[in-house]
Amino acid sequence: MLQDREIKLDNYIIKLIKRHKINQKEMYLKYENYKHTTDNIIFHQHDGRWLRTNVVREYFKEVCKRAEVPILSPHALRHTHAVHLLEAGANIKYVSERLGHASVKITADTYLHVTKKIEDDALTLYEQNVQIQRGQKTGIPHFQIRKPLIHKG
């Protein structure tokens, strides 16, 4: 079951939402049948009710066509957001709570497929860590070859 939760938004998105709310207020003043909503719905029907999922899906489909990009579902944006957070190094527990999942396992099973970026970043972190550890213990830079290995046979 869906549950209300608060999530933080970046400044750019907050600015867009504020601009959208100003546009909504202008619509309330301009059109009599455009109803004001008091429950802070960001996107709603002209009568103030929640948008139906099929309406959102059809609108999103049209936006994709006009932008000449592959047609995706609005849920694909959620998936993309989660993967981008994980690729950026966000903690999986944070991502899980942000998405409203009941457990981290759901998030991991759904969104933690290994992307090339996650793999590359993990390898870089590993290499940096090994470099630091070796440098601290031996004073020898990572992967430095002191003398060539020559097999005389």
N, C-alpha and C. Protein backbone atom coordinates (compact mmCIF):
# COMPACT_ATOMS: atom_id res chain seq x y z
N MET A 1 0.84 -1.19 0.00
CA MET A 1 0.00 0.00 0.00
C MET A 1 0.88 1.25 0.00
N LEU A 2 0.46 2.24 -0.76
CA LEU A 2 1.22 3.48 -0.84
C LEU A 2 1.09 4.26 0.46
N GLN A 3 2.17 4.90 0.80
CA GLN A 3 2.22 5.63 2.05
C GLN A 3 2.82 7.01 1.79
N ASP A 4 2.28 8.02 2.46
CA ASP A 4 2.86 9.35 2.33
C ASP A 4 4.24 9.36 2.97
N ARG A 5 5.16 10.08 2.35
CA ARG A 5 6.49 10.26 2.92
C ARG A 5 7.06 11.56 2.37
N GLU A 6 7.97 12.11 3.12
CA GLU A 6 8.66 13.32 2.68
C GLU A 6 9.99 12.92 2.08
N ILE A 7 10.32 13.53 0.95
CA ILE A 7 11.63 13.31 0.34
C ILE A 7 12.23 14.67 0.02
N LYS A 8 13.53 14.75 0.11
CA LYS A 8 14.22 16.00 -0.23
C LYS A 8 14.35 16.10 -1.74
N LEU A 9 14.28 17.33 -2.22
CA LEU A 9 14.45 17.62 -3.64
C LEU A 9 15.60 18.60 -3.80
N ASP A 10 16.24 18.53 -4.96
CA ASP A 10 17.33 19.47 -5.20
C ASP A 10 16.76 20.84 -5.55
N ASN A 11 17.60 21.86 -5.48
CA ASN A 11 17.15 23.24 -5.69
C ASN A 11 16.54 23.47 -7.06
N TYR A 12 17.06 22.81 -8.09
CA TYR A 12 16.53 22.98 -9.44
C TYR A 12 15.07 22.50 -9.50
N ILE A 13 14.80 21.33 -8.94
CA ILE A 13 13.43 20.79 -8.95
C ILE A 13 12.51 21.66 -8.12
N ILE A 14 12.98 22.14 -6.98
CA ILE A 14 12.17 23.03 -6.14
C ILE A 14 11.79 24.28 -6.92
N LYS A 15 12.73 24.82 -7.67
CA LYS A 15 12.48 26.01 -8.49
C LYS A 15 11.41 25.72 -9.55
N LEU A 16 11.51 24.55 -10.19
CA LEU A 16 10.51 24.17 -11.20
C LEU A 16 9.12 24.01 -10.59
N ILE A 17 9.05 23.41 -9.42
CA ILE A 17 7.75 23.22 -8.76
C ILE A 17 7.16 24.56 -8.36
N LYS A 18 7.98 25.46 -7.86
CA LYS A 18 7.48 26.80 -7.50
C LYS A 18 6.92 27.52 -8.73
N ARG A 19 7.64 27.40 -9.85
CA ARG A 19 7.17 28.02 -11.09
C ARG A 19 5.83 27.39 -11.52
N HIS A 20 5.74 26.08 -11.39
CA HIS A 20 4.50 25.37 -11.75
C HIS A 20 3.34 25.83 -10.85
N LYS A 21 3.60 26.00 -9.56
CA LYS A 21 2.55 26.44 -8.63
C LYS A 21 2.07 27.86 -8.98
N ILE A 22 3.00 28.71 -9.42
CA ILE A 22 2.61 30.06 -9.86
C ILE A 22 1.70 29.96 -11.08
N ASN A 23 2.07 29.09 -12.02
CA ASN A 23 1.23 28.88 -13.21
C ASN A 23 -0.15 28.37 -12.82
N GLN A 24 -0.21 27.48 -11.83
CA GLN A 24 -1.50 26.97 -11.37
C GLN A 24 -2.35 28.11 -10.81
N LYS A 25 -1.75 28.97 -10.01
CA LYS A 25 -2.50 30.09 -9.43
C LYS A 25 -3.06 30.99 -10.53
N GLU A 26 -2.26 31.20 -11.57
CA GLU A 26 -2.74 32.00 -12.70
C GLU A 26 -3.93 31.32 -13.37
N MET A 27 -3.88 30.00 -13.47
CA MET A 27 -5.00 29.25 -14.07
C MET A 27 -6.26 29.38 -13.21
N TYR A 28 -6.10 29.34 -11.88
CA TYR A 28 -7.25 29.48 -10.98
C TYR A 28 -7.95 30.82 -11.21
N LEU A 29 -7.13 31.86 -11.41
CA LEU A 29 -7.69 33.19 -11.61
C LEU A 29 -8.29 33.36 -13.00
N LYS A 30 -7.69 32.72 -13.99
CA LYS A 30 -8.11 32.89 -15.37
C LYS A 30 -9.35 32.06 -15.73
N TYR A 31 -9.44 30.86 -15.21
CA TYR A 31 -10.54 29.95 -15.57
C TYR A 31 -11.36 29.60 -14.35
N GLU A 32 -12.66 29.83 -14.48
CA GLU A 32 -13.58 29.56 -13.37
C GLU A 32 -13.65 28.09 -12.99
N ASN A 33 -13.61 27.22 -14.00
CA ASN A 33 -13.77 25.79 -13.71
C ASN A 33 -12.46 25.11 -13.28
N TYR A 34 -11.39 25.87 -13.23
CA TYR A 34 -10.10 25.32 -12.79
C TYR A 34 -10.07 25.42 -11.28
N LYS A 35 -10.22 24.30 -10.61
CA LYS A 35 -10.38 24.30 -9.16
C LYS A 35 -9.05 24.29 -8.42
N HIS A 36 -9.03 25.04 -7.34
CA HIS A 36 -7.85 25.09 -6.47
C HIS A 36 -7.84 23.86 -5.57
N THR A 37 -6.68 23.25 -5.42
CA THR A 37 -6.56 22.09 -4.53
C THR A 37 -5.87 22.53 -3.25
N THR A 38 -6.39 22.07 -2.14
CA THR A 38 -5.83 22.48 -0.85
C THR A 38 -4.90 21.42 -0.26
N ASP A 39 -4.76 20.27 -0.90
CA ASP A 39 -3.93 19.21 -0.32
C ASP A 39 -2.55 19.11 -0.96
N ASN A 40 -2.10 20.20 -1.56
CA ASN A 40 -0.74 20.29 -2.12
C ASN A 40 -0.42 19.29 -3.21
N ILE A 41 -1.40 18.89 -3.98
CA ILE A 41 -1.13 18.04 -5.13
C ILE A 41 -0.39 18.91 -6.14
N ILE A 42 0.73 18.42 -6.63
CA ILE A 42 1.52 19.21 -7.57
C ILE A 42 0.89 19.15 -8.96
N PHE A 43 0.52 17.97 -9.40
CA PHE A 43 -0.11 17.79 -10.71
C PHE A 43 -1.49 17.19 -10.48
N HIS A 44 -2.51 17.90 -10.94
CA HIS A 44 -3.87 17.42 -10.73
C HIS A 44 -4.73 17.76 -11.93
N GLN A 45 -5.93 17.20 -11.94
CA GLN A 45 -6.88 17.51 -13.00
C GLN A 45 -7.40 18.93 -12.80
N HIS A 46 -8.04 19.46 -13.83
CA HIS A 46 -8.54 20.84 -13.73
C HIS A 46 -9.57 21.01 -12.63
N ASP A 47 -10.21 19.89 -12.22
CA ASP A 47 -11.21 19.98 -11.15
C ASP A 47 -10.59 19.75 -9.76
N GLY A 48 -9.27 19.66 -9.70
CA GLY A 48 -8.58 19.53 -8.42
C GLY A 48 -8.34 18.10 -7.96
N ARG A 49 -8.92 17.13 -8.67
CA ARG A 49 -8.72 15.73 -8.27
C ARG A 49 -7.37 15.21 -8.76
N TRP A 50 -6.94 14.09 -8.14
CA TRP A 50 -5.70 13.43 -8.55
C TRP A 50 -5.76 13.05 -10.02
N LEU A 51 -4.63 13.10 -10.69
CA LEU A 51 -4.55 12.61 -12.06
C LEU A 51 -4.68 11.09 -12.06
N ARG A 52 -5.43 10.56 -13.00
CA ARG A 52 -5.53 9.10 -13.13
C ARG A 52 -4.26 8.59 -13.79
N THR A 53 -3.84 7.40 -13.41
CA THR A 53 -2.58 6.85 -13.93
C THR A 53 -2.60 6.69 -15.44
N ASN A 54 -3.74 6.32 -16.01
CA ASN A 54 -3.79 6.16 -17.47
C ASN A 54 -3.60 7.50 -18.18
N VAL A 55 -4.07 8.58 -17.58
CA VAL A 55 -3.90 9.92 -18.17
C VAL A 55 -2.41 10.30 -18.14
N VAL A 56 -1.76 10.04 -17.03
CA VAL A 56 -0.33 10.34 -16.90
C VAL A 56 0.46 9.51 -17.92
N ARG A 57 0.11 8.23 -18.02
CA ARG A 57 0.81 7.33 -18.95
C ARG A 57 0.66 7.80 -20.40
N GLU A 58 -0.54 8.17 -20.79
CA GLU A 58 -0.78 8.64 -22.16
C GLU A 58 -0.06 9.96 -22.44
N TYR A 59 -0.09 10.86 -21.48
CA TYR A 59 0.61 12.14 -21.63
C TYR A 59 2.11 11.91 -21.78
N PHE A 60 2.65 11.05 -20.94
CA PHE A 60 4.08 10.75 -20.97
C PHE A 60 4.46 10.12 -22.31
N LYS A 61 3.60 9.26 -22.82
CA LYS A 61 3.82 8.61 -24.12
C LYS A 61 3.91 9.68 -25.22
N GLU A 62 3.02 10.64 -25.17
CA GLU A 62 3.01 11.72 -26.16
C GLU A 62 4.27 12.59 -26.05
N VAL A 63 4.70 12.87 -24.83
CA VAL A 63 5.92 13.66 -24.62
C VAL A 63 7.12 12.92 -25.21
N CYS A 64 7.19 11.60 -25.00
CA CYS A 64 8.29 10.80 -25.55
C CYS A 64 8.29 10.85 -27.08
N LYS A 65 7.10 10.74 -27.68
CA LYS A 65 7.00 10.79 -29.15
C LYS A 65 7.49 12.14 -29.67
N ARG A 66 7.02 13.22 -29.06
CA ARG A 66 7.43 14.56 -29.51
C ARG A 66 8.92 14.79 -29.34
N ALA A 67 9.49 14.22 -28.30
CA ALA A 67 10.93 14.37 -28.05
C ALA A 67 11.76 13.40 -28.90
N GLU A 68 11.06 12.53 -29.62
CA GLU A 68 11.70 11.52 -30.46
C GLU A 68 12.68 10.65 -29.67
N VAL A 69 12.20 10.20 -28.51
CA VAL A 69 12.96 9.26 -27.67
C VAL A 69 12.11 8.00 -27.52
N PRO A 70 12.73 6.89 -27.13
CA PRO A 70 11.95 5.67 -26.94
C PRO A 70 10.81 5.90 -25.94
N ILE A 71 9.67 5.28 -26.21
CA ILE A 71 8.52 5.43 -25.33
C ILE A 71 8.72 4.56 -24.10
N LEU A 72 8.70 5.22 -22.96
CA LEU A 72 8.86 4.55 -21.68
C LEU A 72 7.66 4.84 -20.80
N SER A 73 7.54 4.12 -19.73
CA SER A 73 6.48 4.40 -18.77
C SER A 73 6.99 5.43 -17.77
N PRO A 74 6.10 6.16 -17.11
CA PRO A 74 6.55 7.08 -16.06
C PRO A 74 7.34 6.34 -14.97
N HIS A 75 7.02 5.07 -14.74
CA HIS A 75 7.74 4.29 -13.73
C HIS A 75 9.22 4.13 -14.10
N ALA A 76 9.53 4.20 -15.39
CA ALA A 76 10.93 4.12 -15.83
C ALA A 76 11.75 5.28 -15.27
N LEU A 77 11.09 6.42 -15.03
CA LEU A 77 11.79 7.56 -14.42
C LEU A 77 12.21 7.23 -12.99
N ARG A 78 11.36 6.52 -12.28
CA ARG A 78 11.67 6.09 -10.91
C ARG A 78 12.89 5.16 -10.92
N HIS A 79 12.87 4.21 -11.86
CA HIS A 79 13.98 3.26 -11.98
C HIS A 79 15.27 4.00 -12.31
N THR A 80 15.20 4.90 -13.27
CA THR A 80 16.37 5.68 -13.68
C THR A 80 16.91 6.50 -12.51
N HIS A 81 16.00 7.13 -11.77
CA HIS A 81 16.40 7.93 -10.60
C HIS A 81 17.14 7.06 -9.58
N ALA A 82 16.61 5.89 -9.30
CA ALA A 82 17.24 4.99 -8.33
C ALA A 82 18.63 4.56 -8.80
N VAL A 83 18.73 4.18 -10.07
CA VAL A 83 20.03 3.75 -10.61
C VAL A 83 21.03 4.90 -10.59
N HIS A 84 20.59 6.10 -10.95
CA HIS A 84 21.49 7.26 -10.93
C HIS A 84 21.98 7.55 -9.51
N LEU A 85 21.09 7.43 -8.53
CA LEU A 85 21.51 7.63 -7.14
C LEU A 85 22.58 6.61 -6.75
N LEU A 86 22.34 5.35 -7.10
CA LEU A 86 23.30 4.30 -6.76
C LEU A 86 24.62 4.50 -7.50
N GLU A 87 24.55 4.90 -8.77
CA GLU A 87 25.77 5.16 -9.54
C GLU A 87 26.56 6.34 -8.96
N ALA A 88 25.83 7.29 -8.37
CA ALA A 88 26.49 8.45 -7.77
C ALA A 88 27.10 8.11 -6.41
N GLY A 89 26.84 6.89 -5.94
CA GLY A 89 27.43 6.45 -4.68
C GLY A 89 26.52 6.58 -3.48
N ALA A 90 25.22 6.83 -3.72
CA ALA A 90 24.28 6.93 -2.59
C ALA A 90 24.19 5.59 -1.88
N ASN A 91 24.02 5.66 -0.58
CA ASN A 91 23.86 4.47 0.25
C ASN A 91 22.55 3.77 -0.12
N ILE A 92 22.59 2.46 -0.25
CA ILE A 92 21.39 1.72 -0.68
C ILE A 92 20.25 1.86 0.33
N LYS A 93 20.55 2.02 1.60
CA LYS A 93 19.50 2.21 2.62
C LYS A 93 18.78 3.53 2.36
N TYR A 94 19.54 4.57 2.03
CA TYR A 94 18.94 5.87 1.70
C TYR A 94 18.02 5.74 0.49
N VAL A 95 18.51 5.07 -0.56
CA VAL A 95 17.71 4.90 -1.78
C VAL A 95 16.44 4.11 -1.46
N SER A 96 16.57 3.07 -0.66
CA SER A 96 15.42 2.25 -0.28
C SER A 96 14.36 3.08 0.44
N GLU A 97 14.79 3.90 1.39
CA GLU A 97 13.84 4.75 2.13
C GLU A 97 13.23 5.81 1.22
N ARG A 98 14.02 6.36 0.33
CA ARG A 98 13.53 7.38 -0.61
C ARG A 98 12.43 6.82 -1.50
N LEU A 99 12.61 5.56 -1.91
CA LEU A 99 11.63 4.91 -2.78
C LEU A 99 10.43 4.37 -2.01
N GLY A 100 10.54 4.33 -0.68
CA GLY A 100 9.44 3.83 0.14
C GLY A 100 9.36 2.32 0.19
N HIS A 101 10.47 1.65 -0.04
CA HIS A 101 10.48 0.19 0.01
C HIS A 101 10.42 -0.31 1.45
N ALA A 102 9.81 -1.46 1.64
CA ALA A 102 9.70 -2.06 2.97
C ALA A 102 11.04 -2.58 3.47
N SER A 103 11.92 -2.93 2.54
CA SER A 103 13.23 -3.45 2.94
C SER A 103 14.29 -3.09 1.91
N VAL A 104 15.54 -3.10 2.35
CA VAL A 104 16.67 -2.84 1.46
C VAL A 104 16.77 -3.95 0.42
N LYS A 105 16.36 -5.15 0.78
CA LYS A 105 16.42 -6.29 -0.15
C LYS A 105 15.60 -6.02 -1.41
N ILE A 106 14.43 -5.42 -1.25
CA ILE A 106 13.58 -5.09 -2.41
C ILE A 106 14.34 -4.14 -3.33
N THR A 107 14.96 -3.13 -2.75
CA THR A 107 15.73 -2.16 -3.53
C THR A 107 16.89 -2.83 -4.24
N ALA A 108 17.63 -3.64 -3.51
CA ALA A 108 18.80 -4.32 -4.08
C ALA A 108 18.38 -5.25 -5.22
N ASP A 109 17.34 -6.04 -5.00
CA ASP A 109 16.89 -6.98 -6.03
C ASP A 109 16.37 -6.28 -7.27
N THR A 110 15.77 -5.11 -7.09
CA THR A 110 15.15 -4.40 -8.21
C THR A 110 16.11 -3.46 -8.93
N TYR A 111 16.91 -2.73 -8.17
CA TYR A 111 17.66 -1.62 -8.75
C TYR A 111 19.18 -1.79 -8.76
N LEU A 112 19.69 -2.78 -8.07
CA LEU A 112 21.13 -2.86 -7.92
C LEU A 112 21.79 -3.77 -8.94
N HIS A 113 21.25 -3.79 -10.16
CA HIS A 113 21.96 -4.52 -11.20
C HIS A 113 23.25 -3.73 -11.48
N VAL A 114 24.28 -4.44 -11.78
CA VAL A 114 25.58 -3.78 -11.93
C VAL A 114 25.65 -3.10 -13.29
N THR A 115 25.73 -1.77 -13.26
CA THR A 115 25.92 -1.02 -14.49
C THR A 115 27.42 -0.87 -14.71
N LYS A 116 27.79 -0.51 -15.91
CA LYS A 116 29.22 -0.32 -16.22
C LYS A 116 29.81 0.74 -15.30
N LYS A 117 29.07 1.81 -15.04
CA LYS A 117 29.58 2.87 -14.18
C LYS A 117 29.79 2.37 -12.76
N ILE A 118 28.83 1.62 -12.21
CA ILE A 118 28.99 1.08 -10.86
C ILE A 118 30.21 0.17 -10.80
N GLU A 119 30.36 -0.67 -11.82
CA GLU A 119 31.50 -1.59 -11.87
C GLU A 119 32.82 -0.81 -11.95
N ASP A 120 32.89 0.17 -12.86
CA ASP A 120 34.11 0.97 -13.02
C ASP A 120 34.45 1.74 -11.74
N ASP A 121 33.41 2.35 -11.13
CA ASP A 121 33.64 3.11 -9.90
C ASP A 121 34.11 2.21 -8.76
N ALA A 122 33.51 1.02 -8.66
CA ALA A 122 33.92 0.08 -7.61
C ALA A 122 35.36 -0.35 -7.80
N LEU A 123 35.74 -0.62 -9.05
CA LEU A 123 37.11 -1.03 -9.33
C LEU A 123 38.09 0.10 -9.01
N THR A 124 37.73 1.33 -9.36
CA THR A 124 38.58 2.48 -9.06
C THR A 124 38.75 2.64 -7.55
N LEU A 125 37.65 2.52 -6.80
CA LEU A 125 37.74 2.62 -5.34
C LEU A 125 38.63 1.52 -4.78
N TYR A 126 38.47 0.32 -5.31
CA TYR A 126 39.30 -0.80 -4.85
C TYR A 126 40.77 -0.52 -5.13
N GLU A 127 41.07 -0.08 -6.35
CA GLU A 127 42.46 0.20 -6.72
C GLU A 127 43.05 1.30 -5.84
N GLN A 128 42.27 2.34 -5.58
CA GLN A 128 42.74 3.43 -4.72
C GLN A 128 43.02 2.92 -3.31
N ASN A 129 42.12 2.08 -2.81
CA ASN A 129 42.30 1.54 -1.47
C ASN A 129 43.54 0.66 -1.39
N VAL A 130 43.74 -0.19 -2.39
CA VAL A 130 44.92 -1.06 -2.41
C VAL A 130 46.18 -0.21 -2.49
N GLN A 131 46.13 0.83 -3.30
CA GLN A 131 47.28 1.73 -3.44
C GLN A 131 47.63 2.36 -2.10
N ILE A 132 46.63 2.84 -1.41
CA ILE A 132 46.84 3.48 -0.10
C ILE A 132 47.42 2.46 0.88
N GLN A 133 46.81 1.27 0.92
CA GLN A 133 47.27 0.24 1.85
C GLN A 133 48.71 -0.17 1.56
N ARG A 134 49.02 -0.38 0.31
CA ARG A 134 50.39 -0.78 -0.04
C ARG A 134 51.37 0.34 0.22
N GLY A 135 50.98 1.56 -0.09
CA GLY A 135 51.84 2.71 0.14
C GLY A 135 52.13 2.90 1.61
N GLN A 136 51.12 2.69 2.45
CA GLN A 136 51.30 2.86 3.89
C GLN A 136 52.18 1.76 4.48
N LYS A 137 52.04 0.54 3.97
CA LYS A 137 52.76 -0.59 4.54
C LYS A 137 54.19 -0.71 4.00
N THR A 138 54.38 -0.47 2.71
CA THR A 138 55.67 -0.75 2.10
C THR A 138 56.38 0.49 1.59
N GLY A 139 55.64 1.55 1.38
CA GLY A 139 56.24 2.73 0.79
C GLY A 139 56.45 2.60 -0.71
N ILE A 140 56.04 1.47 -1.28
CA ILE A 140 56.21 1.23 -2.71
C ILE A 140 54.90 1.60 -3.41
N PRO A 141 54.95 2.47 -4.42
CA PRO A 141 53.73 2.81 -5.15
C PRO A 141 53.09 1.56 -5.75
N HIS A 142 51.79 1.62 -5.86
CA HIS A 142 50.99 0.52 -6.39
C HIS A 142 51.49 0.06 -7.76
N PHE A 143 51.67 -1.22 -7.94
CA PHE A 143 52.04 -1.87 -9.20
C PHE A 143 53.40 -1.45 -9.75
N GLN A 144 54.26 -0.91 -8.91
CA GLN A 144 55.59 -0.56 -9.39
C GLN A 144 56.43 -1.84 -9.45
N ILE A 145 57.07 -2.06 -10.58
CA ILE A 145 57.93 -3.23 -10.75
C ILE A 145 59.36 -2.78 -10.47
N ARG A 146 59.98 -3.41 -9.49
CA ARG A 146 61.33 -3.00 -9.08
C ARG A 146 62.38 -3.52 -10.04
N LYS A 147 62.26 -4.77 -10.48
CA LYS A 147 63.22 -5.25 -11.47
C LYS A 147 62.50 -6.24 -12.35
N PRO A 148 62.79 -6.23 -13.63
CA PRO A 148 62.07 -7.09 -14.56
C PRO A 148 62.29 -8.56 -14.24
N LEU A 149 61.25 -9.33 -14.45
CA LEU A 149 61.34 -10.78 -14.28
C LEU A 149 61.75 -11.39 -15.61
N ILE A 150 62.90 -12.00 -15.64
CA ILE A 150 63.39 -12.62 -16.88
C ILE A 150 63.64 -14.09 -16.59
N HIS A 151 63.04 -14.89 -17.40
CA HIS A 151 63.22 -16.33 -17.24
C HIS A 151 64.35 -16.77 -18.16
N LYS A 152 65.38 -17.29 -17.57
CA LYS A 152 66.50 -17.80 -18.38
C LYS A 152 66.31 -19.30 -18.49
N GLY A 153 66.09 -19.74 -19.66
CA GLY A 153 65.78 -21.14 -19.78
C GLY A 153 66.65 -21.87 -20.64
